[in-house]
PDB file of all heavy atoms in Angstrom:
ATOM      1  N   VAL A   1       8.670 -12.414   6.044  1.00  0.00           N
ATOM      2  CA  VAL A   1       8.588 -11.583   7.259  1.00  0.00           C
ATOM      3  C   VAL A   1       7.131 -11.256   7.491  1.00  0.00           C
ATOM      4  O   VAL A   1       6.647 -11.448   8.631  1.00  0.00           O
ATOM      5  CB  VAL A   1       9.364 -10.288   7.162  1.00  0.00           C
ATOM      6  CG1 VAL A   1       9.102  -9.369   8.305  1.00  0.00           C
ATOM      7  CG2 VAL A   1      10.901 -10.601   7.068  1.00  0.00           C
ATOM      8  N   VAL A   2       6.401 -10.872   6.482  1.00  0.00           N
ATOM      9  CA  VAL A   2       5.017 -10.456   6.556  1.00  0.00           C
ATOM     10  C   VAL A   2       4.159 -11.666   7.065  1.00  0.00           C
ATOM     11  O   VAL A   2       3.365 -11.581   8.025  1.00  0.00           O
ATOM     12  CB  VAL A   2       4.500  -9.883   5.246  1.00  0.00           C
ATOM     13  CG1 VAL A   2       2.969  -9.628   5.388  1.00  0.00           C
ATOM     14  CG2 VAL A   2       5.229  -8.635   4.921  1.00  0.00           C
ATOM     15  N   TYR A   3       4.324 -12.823   6.391  1.00  0.00           N
ATOM     16  CA  TYR A   3       3.490 -13.953   6.680  1.00  0.00           C
ATOM     17  C   TYR A   3       3.870 -14.600   8.007  1.00  0.00           C
ATOM     18  O   TYR A   3       2.998 -15.332   8.607  1.00  0.00           O
ATOM     19  CB  TYR A   3       3.455 -14.906   5.495  1.00  0.00           C
ATOM     20  CG  TYR A   3       2.870 -14.248   4.337  1.00  0.00           C
ATOM     21  CD1 TYR A   3       3.610 -14.188   3.057  1.00  0.00           C
ATOM     22  CD2 TYR A   3       1.616 -13.615   4.350  1.00  0.00           C
ATOM     23  CE1 TYR A   3       3.039 -13.492   1.963  1.00  0.00           C
ATOM     24  CE2 TYR A   3       1.101 -12.909   3.294  1.00  0.00           C
ATOM     25  CZ  TYR A   3       1.778 -12.883   2.074  1.00  0.00           C
ATOM     26  OH  TYR A   3       1.259 -12.158   0.950  1.00  0.00           O
ATOM     27  N   SER A   4       5.128 -14.466   8.490  1.00  0.00           N
ATOM     28  CA  SER A   4       5.458 -14.968   9.751  1.00  0.00           C
ATOM     29  C   SER A   4       4.730 -14.269  10.876  1.00  0.00           C
ATOM     30  O   SER A   4       4.583 -14.786  12.020  1.00  0.00           O
ATOM     31  CB  SER A   4       6.961 -14.909   9.951  1.00  0.00           C
ATOM     32  OG  SER A   4       7.413 -13.552  10.117  1.00  0.00           O
ATOM     33  N   LEU A   5       4.258 -13.056  10.565  1.00  0.00           N
ATOM     34  CA  LEU A   5       3.546 -12.235  11.568  1.00  0.00           C
ATOM     35  C   LEU A   5       2.013 -12.372  11.403  1.00  0.00           C
ATOM     36  O   LEU A   5       1.288 -11.773  12.204  1.00  0.00           O
ATOM     37  CB  LEU A   5       3.914 -10.776  11.450  1.00  0.00           C
ATOM     38  CG  LEU A   5       5.421 -10.380  11.879  1.00  0.00           C
ATOM     39  CD1 LEU A   5       5.656  -8.875  11.495  1.00  0.00           C
ATOM     40  CD2 LEU A   5       5.582 -10.659  13.351  1.00  0.00           C
ATOM     41  N   GLY A   6       1.636 -13.174  10.418  1.00  0.00           N
ATOM     42  CA  GLY A   6       0.198 -13.418  10.279  1.00  0.00           C
ATOM     43  C   GLY A   6      -0.420 -12.718   9.106  1.00  0.00           C
ATOM     44  O   GLY A   6      -1.639 -12.659   8.953  1.00  0.00           O
ATOM     45  N   GLY A   7       0.353 -12.093   8.199  1.00  0.00           N
ATOM     46  CA  GLY A   7      -0.187 -11.466   6.976  1.00  0.00           C
ATOM     47  C   GLY A   7      -0.112  -9.973   7.009  1.00  0.00           C
ATOM     48  O   GLY A   7       0.444  -9.368   7.948  1.00  0.00           O
ATOM     49  N   LYS A   8      -0.634  -9.330   5.936  1.00  0.00           N
ATOM     50  CA  LYS A   8      -0.446  -7.907   5.785  1.00  0.00           C
ATOM     51  C   LYS A   8      -1.060  -7.069   6.960  1.00  0.00           C
ATOM     52  O   LYS A   8      -0.440  -6.116   7.506  1.00  0.00           O
ATOM     53  CB  LYS A   8      -1.088  -7.405   4.476  1.00  0.00           C
ATOM     54  CG  LYS A   8      -0.274  -7.781   3.255  1.00  0.00           C
ATOM     55  CD  LYS A   8      -0.900  -7.271   1.928  1.00  0.00           C
ATOM     56  CE  LYS A   8      -0.826  -5.771   1.870  1.00  0.00           C
ATOM     57  NZ  LYS A   8      -1.248  -5.235   0.594  1.00  0.00           N
ATOM     58  N   GLU A   9      -2.308  -7.378   7.282  1.00  0.00           N
ATOM     59  CA  GLU A   9      -2.929  -6.713   8.344  1.00  0.00           C
ATOM     60  C   GLU A   9      -2.224  -6.738   9.661  1.00  0.00           C
ATOM     61  O   GLU A   9      -2.071  -5.697  10.353  1.00  0.00           O
ATOM     62  CB  GLU A   9      -4.411  -7.102   8.466  1.00  0.00           C
ATOM     63  CG  GLU A   9      -5.257  -6.338   9.495  1.00  0.00           C
ATOM     64  CD  GLU A   9      -6.679  -6.705   9.564  1.00  0.00           C
ATOM     65  OE1 GLU A   9      -7.058  -7.457   8.663  1.00  0.00           O
ATOM     66  OE2 GLU A   9      -7.427  -6.274  10.464  1.00  0.00           O
ATOM     67  N   ALA A  10      -1.756  -7.920   9.984  1.00  0.00           N
ATOM     68  CA  ALA A  10      -1.032  -8.115  11.269  1.00  0.00           C
ATOM     69  C   ALA A  10       0.278  -7.349  11.230  1.00  0.00           C
ATOM     70  O   ALA A  10       0.674  -6.816  12.185  1.00  0.00           O
ATOM     71  CB  ALA A  10      -0.729  -9.588  11.471  1.00  0.00           C
ATOM     72  N   PHE A  11       0.929  -7.334  10.078  1.00  0.00           N
ATOM     73  CA  PHE A  11       2.206  -6.590   9.965  1.00  0.00           C
ATOM     74  C   PHE A  11       1.957  -5.113  10.170  1.00  0.00           C
ATOM     75  O   PHE A  11       2.664  -4.482  10.916  1.00  0.00           O
ATOM     76  CB  PHE A  11       2.823  -6.947   8.554  1.00  0.00           C
ATOM     77  CG  PHE A  11       4.169  -6.156   8.321  1.00  0.00           C
ATOM     78  CD1 PHE A  11       5.343  -6.860   8.664  1.00  0.00           C
ATOM     79  CD2 PHE A  11       4.270  -4.869   7.896  1.00  0.00           C
ATOM     80  CE1 PHE A  11       6.579  -6.274   8.459  1.00  0.00           C
ATOM     81  CE2 PHE A  11       5.486  -4.253   7.657  1.00  0.00           C
ATOM     82  CZ  PHE A  11       6.621  -4.977   8.015  1.00  0.00           C
ATOM     83  N   CYS A  12       0.903  -4.578   9.469  1.00  0.00           N
ATOM     84  CA  CYS A  12       0.622  -3.206   9.596  1.00  0.00           C
ATOM     85  C   CYS A  12       0.237  -2.696  10.996  1.00  0.00           C
ATOM     86  O   CYS A  12       0.379  -1.596  11.338  1.00  0.00           O
ATOM     87  CB  CYS A  12      -0.379  -2.741   8.558  1.00  0.00           C
ATOM     88  SG  CYS A  12       0.096  -2.888   6.853  1.00  0.00           S
ATOM     89  N   ASN A  13      -0.296  -3.652  11.772  1.00  0.00           N
ATOM     90  CA  ASN A  13      -0.742  -3.396  13.073  1.00  0.00           C
ATOM     91  C   ASN A  13       0.295  -3.604  14.172  1.00  0.00           C
ATOM     92  O   ASN A  13       0.019  -3.420  15.337  1.00  0.00           O
ATOM     93  CB  ASN A  13      -1.973  -4.262  13.452  1.00  0.00           C
ATOM     94  CG  ASN A  13      -3.152  -3.852  12.748  1.00  0.00           C
ATOM     95  OD1 ASN A  13      -3.406  -2.680  12.455  1.00  0.00           O
ATOM     96  ND2 ASN A  13      -4.099  -4.731  12.404  1.00  0.00           N
ATOM     97  N   GLN A  14       1.533  -3.751  13.739  1.00  0.00           N
ATOM     98  CA  GLN A  14       2.596  -3.926  14.742  1.00  0.00           C
ATOM     99  C   GLN A  14       2.788  -2.576  15.475  1.00  0.00           C
ATOM    100  O   GLN A  14       2.809  -1.480  14.890  1.00  0.00           O
ATOM    101  CB  GLN A  14       3.991  -4.193  13.986  1.00  0.00           C
ATOM    102  CG  GLN A  14       4.049  -5.586  13.456  1.00  0.00           C
ATOM    103  CD  GLN A  14       3.900  -6.686  14.467  1.00  0.00           C
ATOM    104  OE1 GLN A  14       4.679  -6.782  15.398  1.00  0.00           O
ATOM    105  NE2 GLN A  14       2.911  -7.526  14.299  1.00  0.00           N
ATOM    106  N   PRO A  15       2.841  -2.607  16.805  1.00  0.00           N
ATOM    107  CA  PRO A  15       2.994  -1.327  17.646  1.00  0.00           C
ATOM    108  C   PRO A  15       4.052  -0.400  17.217  1.00  0.00           C
ATOM    109  O   PRO A  15       3.903   0.808  17.296  1.00  0.00           O
ATOM    110  CB  PRO A  15       3.217  -1.924  19.026  1.00  0.00           C
ATOM    111  CG  PRO A  15       2.593  -3.250  19.043  1.00  0.00           C
ATOM    112  CD  PRO A  15       2.856  -3.826  17.685  1.00  0.00           C
ATOM    113  N   THR A  16       5.159  -1.025  16.688  1.00  0.00           N
ATOM    114  CA  THR A  16       6.361  -0.086  16.285  1.00  0.00           C
ATOM    115  C   THR A  16       6.039   0.685  15.056  1.00  0.00           C
ATOM    116  O   THR A  16       6.707   1.623  14.756  1.00  0.00           O
ATOM    117  CB  THR A  16       7.564  -0.925  15.994  1.00  0.00           C
ATOM    118  OG1 THR A  16       7.274  -2.027  15.234  1.00  0.00           O
ATOM    119  CG2 THR A  16       8.173  -1.449  17.315  1.00  0.00           C
ATOM    120  N   LEU A  17       4.914   0.433  14.409  1.00  0.00           N
ATOM    121  CA  LEU A  17       4.545   1.173  13.160  1.00  0.00           C
ATOM    122  C   LEU A  17       3.385   2.156  13.445  1.00  0.00           C
ATOM    123  O   LEU A  17       2.856   2.730  12.515  1.00  0.00           O
ATOM    124  CB  LEU A  17       4.092   0.221  12.026  1.00  0.00           C
ATOM    125  CG  LEU A  17       5.206  -0.783  11.563  1.00  0.00           C
ATOM    126  CD1 LEU A  17       4.603  -1.828  10.598  1.00  0.00           C
ATOM    127  CD2 LEU A  17       6.286   0.025  10.874  1.00  0.00           C
ATOM    128  N   ARG A  18       3.017   2.307  14.704  1.00  0.00           N
ATOM    129  CA  ARG A  18       1.792   3.068  15.013  1.00  0.00           C
ATOM    130  C   ARG A  18       1.864   4.545  14.634  1.00  0.00           C
ATOM    131  O   ARG A  18       0.812   5.200  14.424  1.00  0.00           O
ATOM    132  CB  ARG A  18       1.472   2.958  16.544  1.00  0.00           C
ATOM    133  CG  ARG A  18       2.542   3.584  17.452  1.00  0.00           C
ATOM    134  CD  ARG A  18       2.243   3.394  18.926  1.00  0.00           C
ATOM    135  NE  ARG A  18       3.233   4.005  19.735  1.00  0.00           N
ATOM    136  CZ  ARG A  18       4.480   3.586  19.999  1.00  0.00           C
ATOM    137  NH1 ARG A  18       4.850   2.406  19.464  1.00  0.00           N
ATOM    138  NH2 ARG A  18       5.230   4.210  20.810  1.00  0.00           N
ATOM    139  N   LEU A  19       3.073   5.078  14.553  1.00  0.00           N
ATOM    140  CA  LEU A  19       3.175   6.463  14.187  1.00  0.00           C
ATOM    141  C   LEU A  19       3.134   6.722  12.599  1.00  0.00           C
ATOM    142  O   LEU A  19       3.145   7.913  12.212  1.00  0.00           O
ATOM    143  CB  LEU A  19       4.471   7.059  14.745  1.00  0.00           C
ATOM    144  CG  LEU A  19       4.623   7.009  16.261  1.00  0.00           C
ATOM    145  CD1 LEU A  19       5.960   7.535  16.715  1.00  0.00           C
ATOM    146  CD2 LEU A  19       3.526   7.806  16.913  1.00  0.00           C
ATOM    147  N   LEU A  20       3.150   5.648  11.857  1.00  0.00           N
ATOM    148  CA  LEU A  20       3.198   5.837  10.376  1.00  0.00           C
ATOM    149  C   LEU A  20       1.867   5.741   9.747  1.00  0.00           C
ATOM    150  O   LEU A  20       1.159   4.767   9.873  1.00  0.00           O
ATOM    151  CB  LEU A  20       4.129   4.782   9.821  1.00  0.00           C
ATOM    152  CG  LEU A  20       5.565   4.770  10.327  1.00  0.00           C
ATOM    153  CD1 LEU A  20       6.402   3.697   9.627  1.00  0.00           C
ATOM    154  CD2 LEU A  20       6.203   6.159  10.183  1.00  0.00           C
ATOM    155  N   THR A  21       1.548   6.739   8.979  1.00  0.00           N
ATOM    156  CA  THR A  21       0.215   6.781   8.250  1.00  0.00           C
ATOM    157  C   THR A  21       0.189   5.640   7.301  1.00  0.00           C
ATOM    158  O   THR A  21      -0.888   5.051   7.050  1.00  0.00           O
ATOM    159  CB  THR A  21       0.045   8.179   7.563  1.00  0.00           C
ATOM    160  OG1 THR A  21       0.103   9.158   8.520  1.00  0.00           O
ATOM    161  CG2 THR A  21      -1.302   8.166   6.801  1.00  0.00           C
ATOM    162  N   ALA A  22       1.354   5.347   6.665  1.00  0.00           N
ATOM    163  CA  ALA A  22       1.335   4.253   5.678  1.00  0.00           C
ATOM    164  C   ALA A  22       0.907   2.924   6.258  1.00  0.00           C
ATOM    165  O   ALA A  22       0.223   2.105   5.660  1.00  0.00           O
ATOM    166  CB  ALA A  22       2.655   4.146   5.044  1.00  0.00           C
ATOM    167  N   ALA A  23       1.290   2.770   7.572  1.00  0.00           N
ATOM    168  CA  ALA A  23       0.906   1.500   8.328  1.00  0.00           C
ATOM    169  C   ALA A  23      -0.521   1.575   8.670  1.00  0.00           C
ATOM    170  O   ALA A  23      -1.309   0.533   8.562  1.00  0.00           O
ATOM    171  CB  ALA A  23       1.813   1.323   9.520  1.00  0.00           C
ATOM    172  N   LYS A  24      -1.056   2.664   9.096  1.00  0.00           N
ATOM    173  CA  LYS A  24      -2.484   2.844   9.436  1.00  0.00           C
ATOM    174  C   LYS A  24      -3.338   2.521   8.285  1.00  0.00           C
ATOM    175  O   LYS A  24      -4.394   1.878   8.461  1.00  0.00           O
ATOM    176  CB  LYS A  24      -2.711   4.175  10.021  1.00  0.00           C
ATOM    177  CG  LYS A  24      -2.061   4.533  11.341  1.00  0.00           C
ATOM    178  CD  LYS A  24      -2.266   6.034  11.783  1.00  0.00           C
ATOM    179  CE  LYS A  24      -1.512   6.293  13.008  1.00  0.00           C
ATOM    180  NZ  LYS A  24      -1.740   7.682  13.453  1.00  0.00           N
ATOM    181  N   GLN A  25      -2.916   2.924   7.092  1.00  0.00           N
ATOM    182  CA  GLN A  25      -3.724   2.632   5.897  1.00  0.00           C
ATOM    183  C   GLN A  25      -3.278   1.345   5.166  1.00  0.00           C
ATOM    184  O   GLN A  25      -3.833   1.063   4.138  1.00  0.00           O
ATOM    185  CB  GLN A  25      -3.614   3.889   4.975  1.00  0.00           C
ATOM    186  CG  GLN A  25      -4.141   5.134   5.550  1.00  0.00           C
ATOM    187  CD  GLN A  25      -3.985   6.332   4.647  1.00  0.00           C
ATOM    188  OE1 GLN A  25      -3.517   6.297   3.593  1.00  0.00           O
ATOM    189  NE2 GLN A  25      -4.441   7.506   5.173  1.00  0.00           N
ATOM    190  N   CYS A  26      -2.268   0.697   5.758  1.00  0.00           N
ATOM    191  CA  CYS A  26      -1.745  -0.510   5.289  1.00  0.00           C
ATOM    192  C   CYS A  26      -1.280  -0.374   3.784  1.00  0.00           C
ATOM    193  O   CYS A  26      -1.608  -1.305   3.013  1.00  0.00           O
ATOM    194  CB  CYS A  26      -2.678  -1.724   5.521  1.00  0.00           C
ATOM    195  SG  CYS A  26      -1.758  -3.344   5.770  1.00  0.00           S
ATOM    196  N   ARG A  27      -0.556   0.690   3.541  1.00  0.00           N
ATOM    197  CA  ARG A  27       0.041   0.737   2.193  1.00  0.00           C
ATOM    198  C   ARG A  27       1.372  -0.046   2.306  1.00  0.00           C
ATOM    199  O   ARG A  27       2.421   0.592   2.499  1.00  0.00           O
ATOM    200  CB  ARG A  27       0.294   2.273   1.910  1.00  0.00           C
ATOM    201  CG  ARG A  27      -1.113   3.077   1.794  1.00  0.00           C
ATOM    202  CD  ARG A  27      -0.792   4.386   1.046  1.00  0.00           C
ATOM    203  NE  ARG A  27       0.116   5.316   1.725  1.00  0.00           N
ATOM    204  CZ  ARG A  27      -0.235   6.197   2.663  1.00  0.00           C
ATOM    205  NH1 ARG A  27      -1.571   6.384   2.908  1.00  0.00           N
ATOM    206  NH2 ARG A  27       0.639   6.910   3.272  1.00  0.00           N
ATOM    207  N   LEU A  28       1.208  -1.333   2.037  1.00  0.00           N
ATOM    208  CA  LEU A  28       2.325  -2.208   2.147  1.00  0.00           C
ATOM    209  C   LEU A  28       2.458  -3.073   0.952  1.00  0.00           C
ATOM    210  O   LEU A  28       1.547  -3.741   0.534  1.00  0.00           O
ATOM    211  CB  LEU A  28       2.101  -3.153   3.391  1.00  0.00           C
ATOM    212  CG  LEU A  28       3.130  -4.275   3.585  1.00  0.00           C
ATOM    213  CD1 LEU A  28       4.506  -3.846   3.870  1.00  0.00           C
ATOM    214  CD2 LEU A  28       2.536  -5.221   4.689  1.00  0.00           C
ATOM    215  N   LEU A  29       3.616  -3.072   0.359  1.00  0.00           N
ATOM    216  CA  LEU A  29       3.953  -3.874  -0.805  1.00  0.00           C
ATOM    217  C   LEU A  29       4.753  -5.090  -0.278  1.00  0.00           C
ATOM    218  O   LEU A  29       5.814  -5.003   0.235  1.00  0.00           O
ATOM    219  CB  LEU A  29       4.849  -3.150  -1.858  1.00  0.00           C
ATOM    220  CG  LEU A  29       5.392  -4.051  -2.977  1.00  0.00           C
ATOM    221  CD1 LEU A  29       4.284  -4.670  -3.819  1.00  0.00           C
ATOM    222  CD2 LEU A  29       6.281  -3.139  -3.860  1.00  0.00           C
ATOM    223  N   VAL A  30       4.125  -6.234  -0.456  1.00  0.00           N
ATOM    224  CA  VAL A  30       4.819  -7.505   0.023  1.00  0.00           C
ATOM    225  C   VAL A  30       5.550  -8.108  -1.201  1.00  0.00           C
ATOM    226  O   VAL A  30       4.925  -8.401  -2.200  1.00  0.00           O
ATOM    227  CB  VAL A  30       3.751  -8.536   0.478  1.00  0.00           C
ATOM    228  CG1 VAL A  30       4.462  -9.776   0.997  1.00  0.00           C
ATOM    229  CG2 VAL A  30       2.948  -7.956   1.678  1.00  0.00           C
ATOM    230  N   MET A  31       6.830  -8.158  -1.062  1.00  0.00           N
ATOM    231  CA  MET A  31       7.677  -8.666  -2.200  1.00  0.00           C
ATOM    232  C   MET A  31       8.265 -10.070  -1.980  1.00  0.00           C
ATOM    233  O   MET A  31       8.512 -10.498  -0.803  1.00  0.00           O
ATOM    234  CB  MET A  31       8.800  -7.690  -2.393  1.00  0.00           C
ATOM    235  CG  MET A  31       8.420  -6.353  -2.940  1.00  0.00           C
ATOM    236  SD  MET A  31       9.761  -5.333  -3.603  1.00  0.00           S
ATOM    237  CE  MET A  31      10.107  -6.218  -5.171  1.00  0.00           C
ATOM    238  N   ASP A  32       8.492 -10.775  -3.041  1.00  0.00           N
ATOM    239  CA  ASP A  32       9.124 -12.078  -2.969  1.00  0.00           C
ATOM    240  C   ASP A  32      10.391 -11.944  -2.163  1.00  0.00           C
ATOM    241  O   ASP A  32      11.172 -10.956  -2.546  1.00  0.00           O
ATOM    242  CB  ASP A  32       9.414 -12.566  -4.417  1.00  0.00           C
ATOM    243  CG  ASP A  32      10.217 -13.820  -4.497  1.00  0.00           C
ATOM    244  OD1 ASP A  32      11.442 -13.695  -4.342  1.00  0.00           O
ATOM    245  OD2 ASP A  32       9.672 -14.870  -4.731  1.00  0.00           O
ATOM    246  N   SER A  33      10.673 -12.811  -1.203  1.00  0.00           N
ATOM    247  CA  SER A  33      11.853 -12.572  -0.373  1.00  0.00           C
ATOM    248  C   SER A  33      13.193 -12.619  -1.127  1.00  0.00           C
ATOM    249  O   SER A  33      14.015 -11.725  -0.968  1.00  0.00           O
ATOM    250  CB  SER A  33      11.842 -13.636   0.736  1.00  0.00           C
ATOM    251  OG  SER A  33      10.798 -13.537   1.564  1.00  0.00           O
ATOM    252  N   LEU A  34      13.361 -13.542  -2.020  1.00  0.00           N
ATOM    253  CA  LEU A  34      14.623 -13.647  -2.691  1.00  0.00           C
ATOM    254  C   LEU A  34      14.730 -12.551  -3.713  1.00  0.00           C
ATOM    255  O   LEU A  34      15.832 -11.881  -3.857  1.00  0.00           O
ATOM    256  CB  LEU A  34      14.682 -14.964  -3.467  1.00  0.00           C
ATOM    257  CG  LEU A  34      16.020 -15.178  -4.342  1.00  0.00           C
ATOM    258  CD1 LEU A  34      17.231 -15.074  -3.402  1.00  0.00           C
ATOM    259  CD2 LEU A  34      15.954 -16.539  -5.062  1.00  0.00           C
ATOM    260  N   LEU A  35      13.692 -12.062  -4.270  1.00  0.00           N
ATOM    261  CA  LEU A  35      13.666 -10.922  -5.247  1.00  0.00           C
ATOM    262  C   LEU A  35      14.051  -9.642  -4.578  1.00  0.00           C
ATOM    263  O   LEU A  35      14.707  -8.820  -5.201  1.00  0.00           O
ATOM    264  CB  LEU A  35      12.284 -10.853  -5.887  1.00  0.00           C
ATOM    265  CG  LEU A  35      12.098  -9.983  -7.167  1.00  0.00           C
ATOM    266  CD1 LEU A  35      12.983 -10.564  -8.219  1.00  0.00           C
ATOM    267  CD2 LEU A  35      10.687  -9.991  -7.668  1.00  0.00           C
ATOM    268  N   SER A  36      13.666  -9.434  -3.346  1.00  0.00           N
ATOM    269  CA  SER A  36      13.899  -8.154  -2.631  1.00  0.00           C
ATOM    270  C   SER A  36      15.129  -8.189  -1.817  1.00  0.00           C
ATOM    271  O   SER A  36      15.634  -7.120  -1.379  1.00  0.00           O
ATOM    272  CB  SER A  36      12.685  -7.747  -1.772  1.00  0.00           C
ATOM    273  OG  SER A  36      12.365  -8.839  -0.817  1.00  0.00           O
ATOM    274  N   LEU A  37      15.626  -9.374  -1.456  1.00  0.00           N
ATOM    275  CA  LEU A  37      16.807  -9.465  -0.562  1.00  0.00           C
ATOM    276  C   LEU A  37      18.080  -9.876  -1.216  1.00  0.00           C
ATOM    277  O   LEU A  37      19.176  -9.578  -0.802  1.00  0.00           O
ATOM    278  CB  LEU A  37      16.506 -10.311   0.654  1.00  0.00           C
ATOM    279  CG  LEU A  37      15.438  -9.841   1.618  1.00  0.00           C
ATOM    280  CD1 LEU A  37      15.125 -10.950   2.632  1.00  0.00           C
ATOM    281  CD2 LEU A  37      15.938  -8.586   2.307  1.00  0.00           C
TER     282      LEU A  37
END
């Protein structure tokens, strides 16, 4: 999901995340898709 949007920074900059401090500071853990789903 993250890399389909262009990577961590692009993911964190999604407009729907604009209200979240965690997104503004890009506190994002990217997990192996199979491992997390």
